[in-house]
Amino acid sequence: MAGRRRGTRRRPANPDSLTLSERVSVEAVDDGVGFVPSQALCGSGLGLIGMTERSKMLGGKLVIDSSPGCGTTIRLYVPLAAVS
């Protein structure tokens, strides 16, 4: 596992909060190795790109907060009308 120190444990990414009002808000946080979001969105993987595209299709927004060595927080905001 590149980037991880031997003997360290990461907390798995789980939705930490779900909020319903005029929009649905979901936040997932992990304490992994982190990454540079702009580089990840330009890479060969499709995970973050697909998540961003799907959120836009619902009229929502995906916010990715991460940096190397600092874990990752992903927030999804979708208007409640799109979920009904």
PDB file of N, CA and C in Angstrom:
ATOM      1  N   MET A   1       0.829  -1.165   0.000  1.00  0.00           N
ATOM      2  CA  MET A   1       0.000   0.000   0.000  1.00  0.00           C
ATOM      3  C   MET A   1       0.881   1.238   0.000  1.00  0.00           C
ATOM      4  N   ALA A   2       1.073   1.778  -1.164  1.00  0.00           N
ATOM      5  CA  ALA A   2       1.932   2.934  -1.319  1.00  0.00           C
ATOM      6  C   ALA A   2       1.400   4.116  -0.526  1.00  0.00           C
ATOM      7  N   GLY A   3       2.312   4.849   0.084  1.00  0.00           N
ATOM      8  CA  GLY A   3       1.914   6.060   0.778  1.00  0.00           C
ATOM      9  C   GLY A   3       1.481   5.863   2.221  1.00  0.00           C
ATOM     10  N   ARG A   4       1.320   4.634   2.658  1.00  0.00           N
ATOM     11  CA  ARG A   4       0.915   4.381   4.053  1.00  0.00           C
ATOM     12  C   ARG A   4       2.105   3.912   4.849  1.00  0.00           C
ATOM     13  N   ARG A   5       2.242   4.408   6.048  1.00  0.00           N
ATOM     14  CA  ARG A   5       3.292   3.931   6.931  1.00  0.00           C
ATOM     15  C   ARG A   5       2.867   2.606   7.533  1.00  0.00           C
ATOM     16  N   ARG A   6       3.808   1.755   7.686  1.00  0.00           N
ATOM     17  CA  ARG A   6       3.529   0.448   8.272  1.00  0.00           C
ATOM     18  C   ARG A   6       2.992   0.611   9.692  1.00  0.00           C
ATOM     19  N   GLY A   7       1.940  -0.084   9.992  1.00  0.00           N
ATOM     20  CA  GLY A   7       1.374  -0.066  11.326  1.00  0.00           C
ATOM     21  C   GLY A   7       0.325   1.017  11.549  1.00  0.00           C
ATOM     22  N   THR A   8       0.131   1.908  10.575  1.00  0.00           N
ATOM     23  CA  THR A   8      -0.898   2.928  10.751  1.00  0.00           C
ATOM     24  C   THR A   8      -2.221   2.381  10.254  1.00  0.00           C
ATOM     25  N   ARG A   9      -3.286   2.821  10.896  1.00  0.00           N
ATOM     26  CA  ARG A   9      -4.622   2.367  10.500  1.00  0.00           C
ATOM     27  C   ARG A   9      -5.399   3.557   9.991  1.00  0.00           C
ATOM     28  N   ARG A  10      -6.139   3.321   8.926  1.00  0.00           N
ATOM     29  CA  ARG A  10      -7.009   4.360   8.396  1.00  0.00           C
ATOM     30  C   ARG A  10      -8.435   4.054   8.781  1.00  0.00           C
ATOM     31  N   ARG A  11      -9.178   5.106   9.026  1.00  0.00           N
ATOM     32  CA  ARG A  11     -10.613   4.961   9.262  1.00  0.00           C
ATOM     33  C   ARG A  11     -11.277   4.882   7.898  1.00  0.00           C
ATOM     34  N   PRO A  12     -12.146   3.910   7.656  1.00  0.00           N
ATOM     35  CA  PRO A  12     -12.801   3.828   6.343  1.00  0.00           C
ATOM     36  C   PRO A  12     -13.699   5.034   6.095  1.00  0.00           C
ATOM     37  N   ALA A  13     -13.842   5.389   4.828  1.00  0.00           N
ATOM     38  CA  ALA A  13     -14.720   6.505   4.468  1.00  0.00           C
ATOM     39  C   ALA A  13     -16.165   6.072   4.624  1.00  0.00           C
ATOM     40  N   ASN A  14     -16.878   6.736   5.479  1.00  0.00           N
ATOM     41  CA  ASN A  14     -18.285   6.475   5.713  1.00  0.00           C
ATOM     42  C   ASN A  14     -19.017   7.801   5.684  1.00  0.00           C
ATOM     43  N   PRO A  15     -20.268   7.805   5.228  1.00  0.00           N
ATOM     44  CA  PRO A  15     -21.026   9.053   5.322  1.00  0.00           C
ATOM     45  C   PRO A  15     -21.138   9.455   6.788  1.00  0.00           C
ATOM     46  N   ASP A  16     -20.565  10.601   7.132  1.00  0.00           N
ATOM     47  CA  ASP A  16     -20.577  11.067   8.515  1.00  0.00           C
ATOM     48  C   ASP A  16     -21.823  11.864   8.836  1.00  0.00           C
ATOM     49  N   SER A  17     -22.439  12.445   7.815  1.00  0.00           N
ATOM     50  CA  SER A  17     -23.643  13.215   8.096  1.00  0.00           C
ATOM     51  C   SER A  17     -24.549  13.217   6.881  1.00  0.00           C
ATOM     52  N   LEU A  18     -25.826  13.295   7.144  1.00  0.00           N
ATOM     53  CA  LEU A  18     -26.843  13.396   6.107  1.00  0.00           C
ATOM     54  C   LEU A  18     -27.838  14.435   6.594  1.00  0.00           C
ATOM     55  N   THR A  19     -28.026  15.471   5.797  1.00  0.00           N
ATOM     56  CA  THR A  19     -28.904  16.565   6.184  1.00  0.00           C
ATOM     57  C   THR A  19     -29.981  16.743   5.132  1.00  0.00           C
ATOM     58  N   LEU A  20     -31.237  16.861   5.567  1.00  0.00           N
ATOM     59  CA  LEU A  20     -32.344  17.108   4.657  1.00  0.00           C
ATOM     60  C   LEU A  20     -32.972  18.456   4.990  1.00  0.00           C
ATOM     61  N   SER A  21     -33.086  19.304   4.016  1.00  0.00           N
ATOM     62  CA  SER A  21     -33.815  20.565   4.135  1.00  0.00           C
ATOM     63  C   SER A  21     -34.302  20.880   2.730  1.00  0.00           C
ATOM     64  N   GLU A  22     -33.870  21.994   2.146  1.00  0.00           N
ATOM     65  CA  GLU A  22     -34.191  22.241   0.742  1.00  0.00           C
ATOM     66  C   GLU A  22     -33.283  21.443  -0.174  1.00  0.00           C
ATOM     67  N   ARG A  23     -32.263  20.862   0.420  1.00  0.00           N
ATOM     68  CA  ARG A  23     -31.318  20.040  -0.330  1.00  0.00           C
ATOM     69  C   ARG A  23     -30.848  18.885   0.531  1.00  0.00           C
ATOM     70  N   VAL A  24     -30.329  17.890  -0.120  1.00  0.00           N
ATOM     71  CA  VAL A  24     -29.708  16.764   0.566  1.00  0.00           C
ATOM     72  C   VAL A  24     -28.217  17.043   0.620  1.00  0.00           C
ATOM     73  N   SER A  25     -27.635  16.907   1.791  1.00  0.00           N
ATOM     74  CA  SER A  25     -26.200  17.088   1.965  1.00  0.00           C
ATOM     75  C   SER A  25     -25.622  15.818   2.556  1.00  0.00           C
ATOM     76  N   VAL A  26     -24.600  15.294   1.919  1.00  0.00           N
ATOM     77  CA  VAL A  26     -23.924  14.102   2.408  1.00  0.00           C
ATOM     78  C   VAL A  26     -22.439  14.416   2.499  1.00  0.00           C
ATOM     79  N   GLU A  27     -21.834  14.022   3.601  1.00  0.00           N
ATOM     80  CA  GLU A  27     -20.404  14.248   3.785  1.00  0.00           C
ATOM     81  C   GLU A  27     -19.736  12.927   4.120  1.00  0.00           C
ATOM     82  N   ALA A  28     -18.662  12.616   3.412  1.00  0.00           N
ATOM     83  CA  ALA A  28     -17.866  11.425   3.698  1.00  0.00           C
ATOM     84  C   ALA A  28     -16.440  11.880   3.981  1.00  0.00           C
ATOM     85  N   VAL A  29     -15.875  11.367   5.078  1.00  0.00           N
ATOM     86  CA  VAL A  29     -14.546  11.789   5.516  1.00  0.00           C
ATOM     87  C   VAL A  29     -13.692  10.552   5.737  1.00  0.00           C
ATOM     88  N   ASP A  30     -12.437  10.626   5.311  1.00  0.00           N
ATOM     89  CA  ASP A  30     -11.496   9.570   5.691  1.00  0.00           C
ATOM     90  C   ASP A  30     -10.199  10.214   6.153  1.00  0.00           C
ATOM     91  N   ASP A  31      -9.388   9.452   6.824  1.00  0.00           N
ATOM     92  CA  ASP A  31      -8.108   9.969   7.300  1.00  0.00           C
ATOM     93  C   ASP A  31      -6.951   9.271   6.589  1.00  0.00           C
ATOM     94  N   GLY A  32      -7.161   9.003   5.305  1.00  0.00           N
ATOM     95  CA  GLY A  32      -6.148   8.338   4.484  1.00  0.00           C
ATOM     96  C   GLY A  32      -5.018   9.272   4.083  1.00  0.00           C
ATOM     97  N   VAL A  33      -4.326   8.902   3.014  1.00  0.00           N
ATOM     98  CA  VAL A  33      -3.130   9.623   2.587  1.00  0.00           C
ATOM     99  C   VAL A  33      -3.442  10.923   1.866  1.00  0.00           C
ATOM    100  N   GLY A  34      -4.673  11.114   1.397  1.00  0.00           N
ATOM    101  CA  GLY A  34      -5.042  12.338   0.695  1.00  0.00           C
ATOM    102  C   GLY A  34      -4.451  12.403  -0.707  1.00  0.00           C
ATOM    103  N   PHE A  35      -4.812  13.446  -1.434  1.00  0.00           N
ATOM    104  CA  PHE A  35      -4.350  13.627  -2.813  1.00  0.00           C
ATOM    105  C   PHE A  35      -4.617  15.073  -3.224  1.00  0.00           C
ATOM    106  N   VAL A  36      -4.152  15.433  -4.403  1.00  0.00           N
ATOM    107  CA  VAL A  36      -4.404  16.758  -4.955  1.00  0.00           C
ATOM    108  C   VAL A  36      -5.619  16.638  -5.878  1.00  0.00           C
ATOM    109  N   PRO A  37      -6.781  17.189  -5.498  1.00  0.00           N
ATOM    110  CA  PRO A  37      -8.008  16.996  -6.278  1.00  0.00           C
ATOM    111  C   PRO A  37      -7.886  17.384  -7.753  1.00  0.00           C
ATOM    112  N   SER A  38      -7.235  18.492  -8.063  1.00  0.00           N
ATOM    113  CA  SER A  38      -7.136  18.908  -9.467  1.00  0.00           C
ATOM    114  C   SER A  38      -6.366  17.886 -10.295  1.00  0.00           C
ATOM    115  N   GLN A  39      -5.370  17.254  -9.712  1.00  0.00           N
ATOM    116  CA  GLN A  39      -4.623  16.217 -10.426  1.00  0.00           C
ATOM    117  C   GLN A  39      -5.454  14.950 -10.579  1.00  0.00           C
ATOM    118  N   ALA A  40      -6.231  14.612  -9.550  1.00  0.00           N
ATOM    119  CA  ALA A  40      -7.052  13.406  -9.604  1.00  0.00           C
ATOM    120  C   ALA A  40      -8.144  13.532 -10.665  1.00  0.00           C
ATOM    121  N   LEU A  41      -8.703  14.728 -10.830  1.00  0.00           N
ATOM    122  CA  LEU A  41      -9.756  14.934 -11.822  1.00  0.00           C
ATOM    123  C   LEU A  41      -9.221  14.934 -13.238  1.00  0.00           C
ATOM    124  N   CYS A  42      -7.918  15.062 -13.405  1.00  0.00           N
ATOM    125  CA  CYS A  42      -7.301  15.036 -14.736  1.00  0.00           C
ATOM    126  C   CYS A  42      -6.628  13.696 -15.018  1.00  0.00           C
ATOM    127  N   GLY A  43      -6.684  12.775 -14.060  1.00  0.00           N
ATOM    128  CA  GLY A  43      -6.005  11.491 -14.205  1.00  0.00           C
ATOM    129  C   GLY A  43      -6.792  10.506 -15.041  1.00  0.00           C
ATOM    130  N   SER A  44      -6.365   9.264 -14.997  1.00  0.00           N
ATOM    131  CA  SER A  44      -6.981   8.218 -15.810  1.00  0.00           C
ATOM    132  C   SER A  44      -8.186   7.567 -15.134  1.00  0.00           C
ATOM    133  N   GLY A  45      -8.360   7.789 -13.840  1.00  0.00           N
ATOM    134  CA  GLY A  45      -9.486   7.193 -13.128  1.00  0.00           C
ATOM    135  C   GLY A  45     -10.788   7.910 -13.432  1.00  0.00           C
ATOM    136  N   LEU A  46     -11.899   7.205 -13.259  1.00  0.00           N
ATOM    137  CA  LEU A  46     -13.205   7.780 -13.562  1.00  0.00           C
ATOM    138  C   LEU A  46     -14.074   7.985 -12.330  1.00  0.00           C
ATOM    139  N   GLY A  47     -13.631   7.555 -11.167  1.00  0.00           N
ATOM    140  CA  GLY A  47     -14.449   7.626  -9.967  1.00  0.00           C
ATOM    141  C   GLY A  47     -14.892   9.032  -9.619  1.00  0.00           C
ATOM    142  N   LEU A  48     -13.942   9.944  -9.399  1.00  0.00           N
ATOM    143  CA  LEU A  48     -14.287  11.315  -9.030  1.00  0.00           C
ATOM    144  C   LEU A  48     -14.951  12.053 -10.176  1.00  0.00           C
ATOM    145  N   ILE A  49     -14.514  11.785 -11.384  1.00  0.00           N
ATOM    146  CA  ILE A  49     -15.131  12.418 -12.562  1.00  0.00           C
ATOM    147  C   ILE A  49     -16.582  11.984 -12.672  1.00  0.00           C
ATOM    148  N   GLY A  50     -16.851  10.697 -12.513  1.00  0.00           N
ATOM    149  CA  GLY A  50     -18.221  10.177 -12.573  1.00  0.00           C
ATOM    150  C   GLY A  50     -19.092  10.738 -11.470  1.00  0.00           C
ATOM    151  N   MET A  51     -18.547  10.855 -10.261  1.00  0.00           N
ATOM    152  CA  MET A  51     -19.305  11.419  -9.146  1.00  0.00           C
ATOM    153  C   MET A  51     -19.657  12.879  -9.419  1.00  0.00           C
ATOM    154  N   THR A  52     -18.703  13.625  -9.965  1.00  0.00           N
ATOM    155  CA  THR A  52     -18.940  15.034 -10.289  1.00  0.00           C
ATOM    156  C   THR A  52     -20.011  15.166 -11.359  1.00  0.00           C
ATOM    157  N   GLU A  53     -19.925  14.358 -12.404  1.00  0.00           N
ATOM    158  CA  GLU A  53     -20.915  14.401 -13.488  1.00  0.00           C
ATOM    159  C   GLU A  53     -22.311  14.040 -12.994  1.00  0.00           C
ATOM    160  N   ARG A  54     -22.410  13.014 -12.162  1.00  0.00           N
ATOM    161  CA  ARG A  54     -23.726  12.604 -11.645  1.00  0.00           C
ATOM    162  C   ARG A  54     -24.341  13.688 -10.759  1.00  0.00           C
ATOM    163  N   SER A  55     -23.523  14.342  -9.955  1.00  0.00           N
ATOM    164  CA  SER A  55     -24.065  15.403  -9.104  1.00  0.00           C
ATOM    165  C   SER A  55     -24.581  16.560  -9.961  1.00  0.00           C
ATOM    166  N   LYS A  56     -23.879  16.890 -11.036  1.00  0.00           N
ATOM    167  CA  LYS A  56     -24.336  17.960 -11.938  1.00  0.00           C
ATOM    168  C   LYS A  56     -25.628  17.571 -12.646  1.00  0.00           C
ATOM    169  N   MET A  57     -25.773  16.299 -13.010  1.00  0.00           N
ATOM    170  CA  MET A  57     -27.002  15.835 -13.675  1.00  0.00           C
ATOM    171  C   MET A  57     -28.217  16.024 -12.777  1.00  0.00           C
ATOM    172  N   LEU A  58     -27.998  16.002 -11.462  1.00  0.00           N
ATOM    173  CA  LEU A  58     -29.080  16.188 -10.501  1.00  0.00           C
ATOM    174  C   LEU A  58     -29.225  17.650 -10.072  1.00  0.00           C
ATOM    175  N   GLY A  59     -28.454  18.525 -10.696  1.00  0.00           N
ATOM    176  CA  GLY A  59     -28.492  19.939 -10.323  1.00  0.00           C
ATOM    177  C   GLY A  59     -27.734  20.223  -9.044  1.00  0.00           C
ATOM    178  N   GLY A  60     -26.860  19.328  -8.672  1.00  0.00           N
ATOM    179  CA  GLY A  60     -26.129  19.463  -7.418  1.00  0.00           C
ATOM    180  C   GLY A  60     -24.678  19.841  -7.611  1.00  0.00           C
ATOM    181  N   LYS A  61     -23.936  19.654  -6.547  1.00  0.00           N
ATOM    182  CA  LYS A  61     -22.531  20.038  -6.527  1.00  0.00           C
ATOM    183  C   LYS A  61     -21.750  19.050  -5.681  1.00  0.00           C
ATOM    184  N   LEU A  62     -20.570  18.677  -6.152  1.00  0.00           N
ATOM    185  CA  LEU A  62     -19.670  17.813  -5.402  1.00  0.00           C
ATOM    186  C   LEU A  62     -18.449  18.645  -5.024  1.00  0.00           C
ATOM    187  N   VAL A  63     -18.114  18.658  -3.736  1.00  0.00           N
ATOM    188  CA  VAL A  63     -16.959  19.417  -3.249  1.00  0.00           C
ATOM    189  C   VAL A  63     -15.956  18.417  -2.692  1.00  0.00           C
ATOM    190  N   ILE A  64     -14.729  18.469  -3.198  1.00  0.00           N
ATOM    191  CA  ILE A  64     -13.672  17.557  -2.771  1.00  0.00           C
ATOM    192  C   ILE A  64     -12.598  18.367  -2.067  1.00  0.00           C
ATOM    193  N   ASP A  65     -12.338  18.032  -0.810  1.00  0.00           N
ATOM    194  CA  ASP A  65     -11.325  18.717  -0.022  1.00  0.00           C
ATOM    195  C   ASP A  65     -10.300  17.673   0.400  1.00  0.00           C
ATOM    196  N   SER A  66      -9.089  17.797  -0.144  1.00  0.00           N
ATOM    197  CA  SER A  66      -8.055  16.824   0.169  1.00  0.00           C
ATOM    198  C   SER A  66      -6.697  17.446  -0.105  1.00  0.00           C
ATOM    199  N   SER A  67      -5.698  16.945   0.576  1.00  0.00           N
ATOM    200  CA  SER A  67      -4.316  17.299   0.276  1.00  0.00           C
ATOM    201  C   SER A  67      -3.445  16.149   0.769  1.00  0.00           C
ATOM    202  N   PRO A  68      -2.286  15.969   0.145  1.00  0.00           N
ATOM    203  CA  PRO A  68      -1.423  14.855   0.534  1.00  0.00           C
ATOM    204  C   PRO A  68      -1.115  14.865   2.034  1.00  0.00           C
ATOM    205  N   GLY A  69      -1.306  13.713   2.658  1.00  0.00           N
ATOM    206  CA  GLY A  69      -1.026  13.545   4.073  1.00  0.00           C
ATOM    207  C   GLY A  69      -2.140  13.998   5.005  1.00  0.00           C
ATOM    208  N   CYS A  70      -3.258  14.483   4.442  1.00  0.00           N
ATOM    209  CA  CYS A  70      -4.306  15.067   5.290  1.00  0.00           C
ATOM    210  C   CYS A  70      -5.671  14.425   5.140  1.00  0.00           C
ATOM    211  N   GLY A  71      -5.792  13.309   4.479  1.00  0.00           N
ATOM    212  CA  GLY A  71      -7.095  12.677   4.327  1.00  0.00           C
ATOM    213  C   GLY A  71      -7.967  13.409   3.312  1.00  0.00           C
ATOM    214  N   THR A  72      -9.232  13.016   3.251  1.00  0.00           N
ATOM    215  CA  THR A  72     -10.145  13.550   2.242  1.00  0.00           C
ATOM    216  C   THR A  72     -11.527  13.748   2.838  1.00  0.00           C
ATOM    217  N   THR A  73     -12.175  14.833   2.436  1.00  0.00           N
ATOM    218  CA  THR A  73     -13.575  15.073   2.744  1.00  0.00           C
ATOM    219  C   THR A  73     -14.290  15.324   1.429  1.00  0.00           C
ATOM    220  N   ILE A  74     -15.360  14.586   1.191  1.00  0.00           N
ATOM    221  CA  ILE A  74     -16.172  14.779  -0.011  1.00  0.00           C
ATOM    222  C   ILE A  74     -17.570  15.153   0.451  1.00  0.00           C
ATOM    223  N   ARG A  75     -18.061  16.261  -0.075  1.00  0.00           N
ATOM    224  CA  ARG A  75     -19.406  16.742   0.257  1.00  0.00           C
ATOM    225  C   ARG A  75     -20.248  16.762  -1.010  1.00  0.00           C
ATOM    226  N   LEU A  76     -21.458  16.249  -0.902  1.00  0.00           N
ATOM    227  CA  LEU A  76     -22.407  16.241  -2.008  1.00  0.00           C
ATOM    228  C   LEU A  76     -23.623  17.051  -1.600  1.00  0.00           C
ATOM    229  N   TYR A  77     -24.003  17.988  -2.445  1.00  0.00           N
ATOM    230  CA  TYR A  77     -25.193  18.803  -2.231  1.00  0.00           C
ATOM    231  C   TYR A  77     -26.120  18.608  -3.443  1.00  0.00           C
ATOM    232  N   VAL A  78     -27.352  18.183  -3.191  1.00  0.00           N
ATOM    233  CA  VAL A  78     -28.327  17.959  -4.265  1.00  0.00           C
ATOM    234  C   VAL A  78     -29.657  18.581  -3.841  1.00  0.00           C
ATOM    235  N   PRO A  79     -30.287  19.374  -4.725  1.00  0.00           N
ATOM    236  CA  PRO A  79     -31.606  19.939  -4.376  1.00  0.00           C
ATOM    237  C   PRO A  79     -32.582  18.811  -4.081  1.00  0.00           C
ATOM    238  N   LEU A  80     -33.380  18.978  -3.045  1.00  0.00           N
ATOM    239  CA  LEU A  80     -34.315  17.938  -2.630  1.00  0.00           C
ATOM    240  C   LEU A  80     -35.293  17.599  -3.750  1.00  0.00           C
ATOM    241  N   ALA A  81     -35.676  18.569  -4.570  1.00  0.00           N
ATOM    242  CA  ALA A  81     -36.582  18.306  -5.689  1.00  0.00           C
ATOM    243  C   ALA A  81     -36.018  17.266  -6.646  1.00  0.00           C
ATOM    244  N   ALA A  82     -34.702  17.210  -6.796  1.00  0.00           N
ATOM    245  CA  ALA A  82     -34.067  16.241  -7.700  1.00  0.00           C
ATOM    246  C   ALA A  82     -34.126  14.842  -7.134  1.00  0.00           C
ATOM    247  N   VAL A  83     -34.267  14.703  -5.821  1.00  0.00           N
ATOM    248  CA  VAL A  83     -34.268  13.394  -5.165  1.00  0.00           C
ATOM    249  C   VAL A  83     -35.667  12.811  -5.075  1.00  0.00           C
ATOM    250  N   SER A  84     -36.691  13.636  -5.060  1.00  0.00           N
ATOM    251  CA  SER A  84     -38.069  13.180  -4.870  1.00  0.00           C
ATOM    252  C   SER A  84     -38.528  12.262  -5.978  1.00  0.00           C
TER     253      SER A  84
END
